[in-house]
C-alpha atoms as a PDB file:
ATOM      1  CA  MET A   1      28.572  34.865 128.953  1.00  0.00           C
ATOM      2  CA  ALA A   2      25.888  36.386 126.638  1.00  0.00           C
ATOM      3  CA  LEU A   3      22.158  35.262 127.329  1.00  0.00           C
ATOM      4  CA  GLN A   4      21.157  33.007 124.240  1.00  0.00           C
ATOM      5  CA  LYS A   5      17.682  32.039 122.922  1.00  0.00           C
ATOM      6  CA  ASN A   6      16.156  29.396 124.742  1.00  0.00           C
ATOM      7  CA  ASP A   7      18.041  30.134 127.900  1.00  0.00           C
ATOM      8  CA  VAL A   8      15.860  29.476 131.133  1.00  0.00           C
ATOM      9  CA  ILE A   9      16.818  32.517 133.266  1.00  0.00           C
ATOM     10  CA  GLU A  10      15.679  33.718 136.715  1.00  0.00           C
ATOM     11  CA  PHE A  11      15.056  37.371 136.841  1.00  0.00           C
ATOM     12  CA  SER A  12      13.398  40.204 138.697  1.00  0.00           C
ATOM     13  CA  TYR A  13      12.008  43.372 137.250  1.00  0.00           C
ATOM     14  CA  THR A  14      10.113  46.832 137.680  1.00  0.00           C
ATOM     15  CA  GLY A  15       7.890  47.896 134.465  1.00  0.00           C
ATOM     16  CA  ARG A  16       7.354  51.702 134.336  1.00  0.00           C
ATOM     17  CA  PHE A  17       5.319  53.546 131.419  1.00  0.00           C
ATOM     18  CA  LYS A  18       7.592  56.612 130.222  1.00  0.00           C
ATOM     19  CA  THR A  19       5.699  58.840 132.596  1.00  0.00           C
ATOM     20  CA  GLY A  20       7.400  57.201 135.443  1.00  0.00           C
ATOM     21  CA  GLU A  21       4.006  55.381 136.589  1.00  0.00           C
ATOM     22  CA  LEU A  22       4.474  51.881 137.981  1.00  0.00           C
ATOM     23  CA  PHE A  23       2.449  49.019 136.376  1.00  0.00           C
ATOM     24  CA  ASP A  24       4.227  45.763 137.504  1.00  0.00           C
ATOM     25  CA  THR A  25       7.336  44.844 139.533  1.00  0.00           C
ATOM     26  CA  THR A  26       8.289  41.878 141.419  1.00  0.00           C
ATOM     27  CA  ASP A  27       9.456  43.777 144.506  1.00  0.00           C
ATOM     28  CA  GLU A  28       6.794  43.645 146.984  1.00  0.00           C
ATOM     29  CA  GLU A  29       7.848  46.579 149.004  1.00  0.00           C
ATOM     30  CA  LEU A  30       8.047  48.874 145.745  1.00  0.00           C
ATOM     31  CA  ALA A  31       4.274  47.605 145.022  1.00  0.00           C
ATOM     32  CA  LYS A  32       3.122  48.614 148.443  1.00  0.00           C
ATOM     33  CA  LYS A  33       4.947  52.001 148.496  1.00  0.00           C
ATOM     34  CA  GLU A  34       3.723  52.936 145.174  1.00  0.00           C
ATOM     35  CA  ASN A  35      -0.173  51.258 145.968  1.00  0.00           C
ATOM     36  CA  LEU A  36       0.415  48.918 143.302  1.00  0.00           C
ATOM     37  CA  TRP A  37       0.178  45.974 145.642  1.00  0.00           C
ATOM     38  CA  ASN A  38      -2.051  43.229 145.152  1.00  0.00           C
ATOM     39  CA  SER A  39      -2.616  40.239 147.478  1.00  0.00           C
ATOM     40  CA  GLU A  40      -3.068  37.472 144.527  1.00  0.00           C
ATOM     41  CA  MET A  41       0.332  38.547 143.027  1.00  0.00           C
ATOM     42  CA  LYS A  42       2.941  36.165 143.672  1.00  0.00           C
ATOM     43  CA  TYR A  43       6.191  38.682 144.398  1.00  0.00           C
ATOM     44  CA  GLY A  44       9.698  37.437 144.067  1.00  0.00           C
ATOM     45  CA  THR A  45      11.830  36.660 141.187  1.00  0.00           C
ATOM     46  CA  LYS A  46      10.134  35.133 137.963  1.00  0.00           C
ATOM     47  CA  MET A  47      11.369  32.477 135.243  1.00  0.00           C
ATOM     48  CA  CYS A  48      11.109  32.354 131.674  1.00  0.00           C
ATOM     49  CA  ILE A  49      12.579  30.829 128.407  1.00  0.00           C
ATOM     50  CA  LEU A  50      14.058  33.530 126.239  1.00  0.00           C
ATOM     51  CA  GLY A  51      12.799  33.937 122.809  1.00  0.00           C
ATOM     52  CA  LYS A  52       9.706  31.289 123.727  1.00  0.00           C
ATOM     53  CA  GLU A  53       7.160  34.080 124.619  1.00  0.00           C
ATOM     54  CA  THR A  54       6.925  33.164 128.279  1.00  0.00           C
ATOM     55  CA  PHE A  55       7.249  36.438 129.247  1.00  0.00           C
ATOM     56  CA  LEU A  56       6.869  39.728 127.226  1.00  0.00           C
ATOM     57  CA  LYS A  57       8.008  39.069 123.585  1.00  0.00           C
ATOM     58  CA  GLY A  58       9.955  42.428 123.207  1.00  0.00           C
ATOM     59  CA  LEU A  59      11.559  41.914 126.522  1.00  0.00           C
ATOM     60  CA  GLU A  60      12.776  38.561 125.880  1.00  0.00           C
ATOM     61  CA  GLU A  61      14.198  39.693 122.269  1.00  0.00           C
ATOM     62  CA  SER A  62      15.965  42.669 124.259  1.00  0.00           C
ATOM     63  CA  LEU A  63      17.797  40.306 126.755  1.00  0.00           C
ATOM     64  CA  ILE A  64      19.236  38.038 124.041  1.00  0.00           C
ATOM     65  CA  GLY A  65      22.969  39.043 123.932  1.00  0.00           C
ATOM     66  CA  LYS A  66      22.963  40.815 127.224  1.00  0.00           C
ATOM     67  CA  GLU A  67      25.201  39.454 130.261  1.00  0.00           C
ATOM     68  CA  LEU A  68      24.141  38.499 133.525  1.00  0.00           C
ATOM     69  CA  GLY A  69      23.364  41.776 135.782  1.00  0.00           C
ATOM     70  CA  ALA A  70      21.186  44.684 135.828  1.00  0.00           C
ATOM     71  CA  HIS A  71      19.770  46.115 132.518  1.00  0.00           C
ATOM     72  CA  LYS A  72      17.354  49.054 131.437  1.00  0.00           C
ATOM     73  CA  ILE A  73      15.316  47.960 128.684  1.00  0.00           C
ATOM     74  CA  GLU A  74      12.907  50.727 126.849  1.00  0.00           C
ATOM     75  CA  LEU A  75      10.549  49.306 124.495  1.00  0.00           C
ATOM     76  CA  GLU A  76       8.094  51.125 122.057  1.00  0.00           C
ATOM     77  CA  ALA A  77       4.317  50.390 122.227  1.00  0.00           C
ATOM     78  CA  LYS A  78       4.524  47.820 119.301  1.00  0.00           C
ATOM     79  CA  LYS A  79       7.347  45.694 121.169  1.00  0.00           C
ATOM     80  CA  ALA A  80       5.817  46.013 124.459  1.00  0.00           C
ATOM     81  CA  PHE A  81       2.029  45.651 124.649  1.00  0.00           C
ATOM     82  CA  GLY A  82       1.227  46.258 120.793  1.00  0.00           C
ATOM     83  CA  VAL A  83      -0.644  49.405 119.284  1.00  0.00           C
ATOM     84  CA  PRO A  84      -4.536  49.795 119.522  1.00  0.00           C
ATOM     85  CA  ASP A  85      -6.032  48.143 116.836  1.00  0.00           C
ATOM     86  CA  ALA A  86      -9.616  49.305 115.698  1.00  0.00           C
ATOM     87  CA  LYS A  87     -10.574  45.819 114.660  1.00  0.00           C
ATOM     88  CA  LEU A  88     -10.204  45.104 118.534  1.00  0.00           C
ATOM     89  CA  ARG A  89     -13.137  47.323 119.388  1.00  0.00           C
ATOM     90  CA  GLN A  90     -16.957  45.783 118.919  1.00  0.00           C
ATOM     91  CA  LEU A  91     -20.325  47.275 119.591  1.00  0.00           C
ATOM     92  CA  VAL A  92     -22.436  45.075 121.486  1.00  0.00           C
ATOM     93  CA  PRO A  93     -26.158  45.270 121.786  1.00  0.00           C
ATOM     94  CA  THR A  94     -26.388  46.775 125.386  1.00  0.00           C
ATOM     95  CA  GLY A  95     -29.436  44.293 125.941  1.00  0.00           C
ATOM     96  CA  GLN A  96     -27.072  41.136 126.079  1.00  0.00           C
ATOM     97  CA  PHE A  97     -25.854  42.862 129.165  1.00  0.00           C
ATOM     98  CA  THR A  98     -29.062  43.755 130.817  1.00  0.00           C
ATOM     99  CA  LYS A  99     -30.407  40.289 130.015  1.00  0.00           C
ATOM    100  CA  GLN A 100     -27.961  38.963 132.514  1.00  0.00           C
ATOM    101  CA  ASN A 101     -28.418  41.515 135.275  1.00  0.00           C
ATOM    102  CA  ILE A 102     -25.127  43.543 134.405  1.00  0.00           C
ATOM    103  CA  ARG A 103     -25.222  47.264 133.810  1.00  0.00           C
ATOM    104  CA  PRO A 104     -22.163  48.041 131.256  1.00  0.00           C
ATOM    105  CA  ARG A 105     -20.226  51.160 132.334  1.00  0.00           C
ATOM    106  CA  PRO A 106     -17.236  52.734 131.352  1.00  0.00           C
ATOM    107  CA  GLY A 107     -14.438  50.867 132.766  1.00  0.00           C
ATOM    108  CA  LEU A 108     -16.134  47.618 133.577  1.00  0.00           C
ATOM    109  CA  GLN A 109     -14.133  44.490 132.967  1.00  0.00           C
ATOM    110  CA  VAL A 110     -16.094  41.794 130.859  1.00  0.00           C
ATOM    111  CA  ASN A 111     -15.545  38.471 129.624  1.00  0.00           C
ATOM    112  CA  ILE A 112     -17.061  37.854 125.849  1.00  0.00           C
ATOM    113  CA  ASP A 113     -16.942  34.201 124.704  1.00  0.00           C
ATOM    114  CA  GLY A 114     -13.568  33.843 126.596  1.00  0.00           C
ATOM    115  CA  ALA A 115     -12.172  37.127 125.441  1.00  0.00           C
ATOM    116  CA  ILE A 116     -11.197  39.571 128.151  1.00  0.00           C
ATOM    117  CA  GLY A 117     -12.082  43.352 127.206  1.00  0.00           C
ATOM    118  CA  VAL A 118     -13.322  46.722 128.704  1.00  0.00           C
ATOM    119  CA  VAL A 119     -16.223  48.811 128.332  1.00  0.00           C
ATOM    120  CA  ARG A 120     -15.492  52.181 126.701  1.00  0.00           C
ATOM    121  CA  THR A 121     -18.826  53.481 125.919  1.00  0.00           C
ATOM    122  CA  VAL A 122     -22.596  53.065 126.408  1.00  0.00           C
ATOM    123  CA  SER A 123     -25.170  54.919 124.233  1.00  0.00           C
ATOM    124  CA  GLY A 124     -27.960  54.597 122.155  1.00  0.00           C
ATOM    125  CA  GLY A 125     -28.523  51.182 122.854  1.00  0.00           C
ATOM    126  CA  ARG A 126     -24.785  50.022 122.305  1.00  0.00           C
ATOM    127  CA  THR A 127     -21.862  49.198 124.234  1.00  0.00           C
ATOM    128  CA  LEU A 128     -18.323  49.422 122.790  1.00  0.00           C
ATOM    129  CA  ILE A 129     -15.926  47.057 124.266  1.00  0.00           C
ATOM    130  CA  ASP A 130     -12.541  47.261 123.888  1.00  0.00           C
ATOM    131  CA  PHE A 131     -10.500  44.107 123.518  1.00  0.00           C
ATOM    132  CA  ASN A 132      -6.945  45.960 123.010  1.00  0.00           C
ATOM    133  CA  HIS A 133      -4.356  45.084 126.098  1.00  0.00           C
ATOM    134  CA  PRO A 134      -4.895  47.641 128.647  1.00  0.00           C
ATOM    135  CA  PHE A 135      -1.574  49.002 128.010  1.00  0.00           C
ATOM    136  CA  ALA A 136      -1.652  49.293 124.199  1.00  0.00           C
ATOM    137  CA  GLY A 137       0.185  52.349 122.975  1.00  0.00           C
ATOM    138  CA  LYS A 138       2.377  53.135 125.822  1.00  0.00           C
ATOM    139  CA  ASP A 139       5.943  52.927 125.583  1.00  0.00           C
ATOM    140  CA  VAL A 140       7.462  51.373 128.617  1.00  0.00           C
ATOM    141  CA  VAL A 141      10.837  50.855 130.655  1.00  0.00           C
ATOM    142  CA  TYR A 142      12.054  48.034 132.497  1.00  0.00           C
ATOM    143  CA  ASP A 143      14.602  48.003 135.026  1.00  0.00           C
ATOM    144  CA  VAL A 144      15.563  44.136 134.886  1.00  0.00           C
ATOM    145  CA  GLU A 145      18.135  42.024 136.897  1.00  0.00           C
ATOM    146  CA  VAL A 146      19.226  38.446 135.341  1.00  0.00           C
ATOM    147  CA  LYS A 147      19.846  36.720 138.413  1.00  0.00           C
ATOM    148  CA  LYS A 148      21.138  33.316 137.022  1.00  0.00           C
ATOM    149  CA  VAL A 149      21.067  30.962 133.959  1.00  0.00           C
ATOM    150  CA  ILE A 150      19.213  27.842 134.720  1.00  0.00           C
ATOM    151  CA  THR A 151      21.247  24.585 133.631  1.00  0.00           C
ATOM    152  CA  GLY A 152      20.808  21.107 134.031  1.00  0.00           C
ATOM    153  CA  ALA A 153      17.813  19.095 132.465  1.00  0.00           C
ATOM    154  CA  LYS A 154      15.898  18.385 135.892  1.00  0.00           C
ATOM    155  CA  GLU A 155      15.891  22.013 136.993  1.00  0.00           C
ATOM    156  CA  LYS A 156      15.027  23.277 133.274  1.00  0.00           C
ATOM    157  CA  ALA A 157      12.378  20.875 133.248  1.00  0.00           C
ATOM    158  CA  GLU A 158      11.256  21.985 136.610  1.00  0.00           C
ATOM    159  CA  ALA A 159      11.493  25.297 135.371  1.00  0.00           C
ATOM    160  CA  PHE A 160       8.989  24.954 132.385  1.00  0.00           C
ATOM    161  CA  LEU A 161       6.331  23.445 134.697  1.00  0.00           C
ATOM    162  CA  SER A 162       6.539  25.993 137.015  1.00  0.00           C
ATOM    163  CA  ILE A 163       6.360  28.852 134.125  1.00  0.00           C
ATOM    164  CA  ILE A 164       3.235  27.343 132.574  1.00  0.00           C
ATOM    165  CA  GLY A 165       1.669  26.839 136.015  1.00  0.00           C
ATOM    166  CA  MET A 166       1.782  23.013 135.971  1.00  0.00           C
ATOM    167  CA  GLU A 167       1.549  21.318 139.496  1.00  0.00           C
ATOM    168  CA  ALA A 168       4.213  18.600 138.796  1.00  0.00           C
ATOM    169  CA  THR A 169       7.480  17.098 139.912  1.00  0.00           C
ATOM    170  CA  ALA A 170      10.487  16.296 137.447  1.00  0.00           C
ATOM    171  CA  GLN A 171      13.237  13.737 137.999  1.00  0.00           C
ATOM    172  CA  LEU A 172      16.035  12.782 136.206  1.00  0.00           C
ATOM    173  CA  GLU A 173      16.218   9.083 135.495  1.00  0.00           C
ATOM    174  CA  GLY A 174      18.846   7.782 133.298  1.00  0.00           C
ATOM    175  CA  ASP A 175      18.367   9.602 130.049  1.00  0.00           C
ATOM    176  CA  SER A 176      15.220  10.881 130.347  1.00  0.00           C
ATOM    177  CA  ILE A 177      13.023  12.984 132.533  1.00  0.00           C
ATOM    178  CA  VAL A 178      10.129  11.672 134.328  1.00  0.00           C
ATOM    179  CA  ILE A 179       7.155  13.951 135.256  1.00  0.00           C
ATOM    180  CA  LYS A 180       4.770  12.987 137.884  1.00  0.00           C
ATOM    181  CA  THR A 181       1.158  15.096 138.120  1.00  0.00           C
ATOM    182  CA  LYS A 182      -2.008  14.186 139.652  1.00  0.00           C
ATOM    183  CA  LYS A 183      -3.524  16.209 136.410  1.00  0.00           C
ATOM    184  CA  ASN A 184      -4.525  14.126 133.396  1.00  0.00           C
ATOM    185  CA  LEU A 185      -3.427  16.215 130.672  1.00  0.00           C
ATOM    186  CA  GLY A 186      -4.938  14.164 127.792  1.00  0.00           C
ATOM    187  CA  LYS A 187      -2.942  13.156 124.892  1.00  0.00           C
ATOM    188  CA  GLU A 188      -2.402  16.737 123.050  1.00  0.00           C
ATOM    189  CA  GLY A 189      -1.261  18.038 126.526  1.00  0.00           C
ATOM    190  CA  GLU A 190       1.119  15.217 126.841  1.00  0.00           C
ATOM    191  CA  GLU A 191       2.608  15.760 123.472  1.00  0.00           C
ATOM    192  CA  PHE A 192       3.134  19.125 124.302  1.00  0.00           C
ATOM    193  CA  ILE A 193       4.763  18.668 127.366  1.00  0.00           C
ATOM    194  CA  LYS A 194       7.010  16.031 125.866  1.00  0.00           C
ATOM    195  CA  ASN A 195       7.929  17.844 122.908  1.00  0.00           C
ATOM    196  CA  GLU A 196       8.914  21.357 124.694  1.00  0.00           C
ATOM    197  CA  ILE A 197      11.051  19.206 127.705  1.00  0.00           C
ATOM    198  CA  LYS A 198      12.767  17.621 124.751  1.00  0.00           C
ATOM    199  CA  GLU A 199      13.575  20.795 122.812  1.00  0.00           C
ATOM    200  CA  LEU A 200      14.730  22.370 126.293  1.00  0.00           C
ATOM    201  CA  THR A 201      16.757  19.550 127.887  1.00  0.00           C
ATOM    202  CA  GLY A 202      17.475  17.341 125.034  1.00  0.00           C
ATOM    203  CA  LYS A 203      16.108  14.425 126.881  1.00  0.00           C
ATOM    204  CA  SER A 204      12.876  12.214 126.481  1.00  0.00           C
ATOM    205  CA  ALA A 205      10.440  12.891 128.908  1.00  0.00           C
ATOM    206  CA  ASN A 206       7.729  10.276 130.303  1.00  0.00           C
ATOM    207  CA  ILE A 207       4.608  11.651 132.106  1.00  0.00           C
ATOM    208  CA  ASN A 208       3.132   9.543 134.904  1.00  0.00           C
ATOM    209  CA  VAL A 209      -0.312  10.423 136.193  1.00  0.00           C
ATOM    210  CA  GLU A 210      -0.703   9.460 139.503  1.00  0.00           C
ATOM    211  CA  LYS A 211      -3.895   8.615 141.230  1.00  0.00           C
ATOM    212  CA  GLU A 212      -5.386  10.341 144.187  1.00  0.00           C
ATOM    213  CA  GLU A 213      -5.170   8.233 146.953  1.00  0.00           C
ATOM    214  CA  LYS A 214      -8.977   7.448 148.010  1.00  0.00           C
ATOM    215  CA  GLU A 215      -9.595   8.265 152.047  1.00  0.00           C
ATOM    216  CA  LYS A 216     -10.032   5.073 154.009  1.00  0.00           C
ATOM    217  CA  GLN A 217     -13.456   4.237 155.193  1.00  0.00           C
ATOM    218  CA  VAL A 218     -13.775   3.381 159.064  1.00  0.00           C
ATOM    219  CA  THR A 219     -16.655   1.385 160.475  1.00  0.00           C
ATOM    220  CA  ALA A 220     -17.540   0.835 164.085  1.00  0.00           C
END
């Protein structure tokens, strides 16, 4: 059966630039072999919701209509990480960095008002920061293996929670999904979760925030 928009899939992948250079993979052994291993990276299969931009938009779009199994997906830069945009390059007074005891140099990654950029040049008291994606302008090739389509309301809800990095559990109770978490999501956060799960599973969601148990104090 062909993959459809909003399908929740489990997949593995390896991404390379057109030059053959590896830039991303779910295969830990390959990452080690090609000197891309990262101790903070969680290797193994991933999950995404096709058409919801939970992975790479161009890759998700290319998988819609495909069957389960292995596929080679070639993406031009504009469909991958975008093309360089001059508007995303900004000149910043170097003094803004030196005031914070930061010495800007080409290649340094910086965070300015929550936006991540890379220093390109430093000259004349000004520093050029590039906020384009590091892979902008590069054509890429993905070798993807779609392992399975996740079905079942509970399983879909669990997959969604995992994709957004939320520590929570999901249980099917009657015609609704009960989400249990220790994190207070706020009204907007709860509405977002409920709406997404409703769209994904067709079932309403209830969110229960569990209170942390306080350690009992023992006195002699």
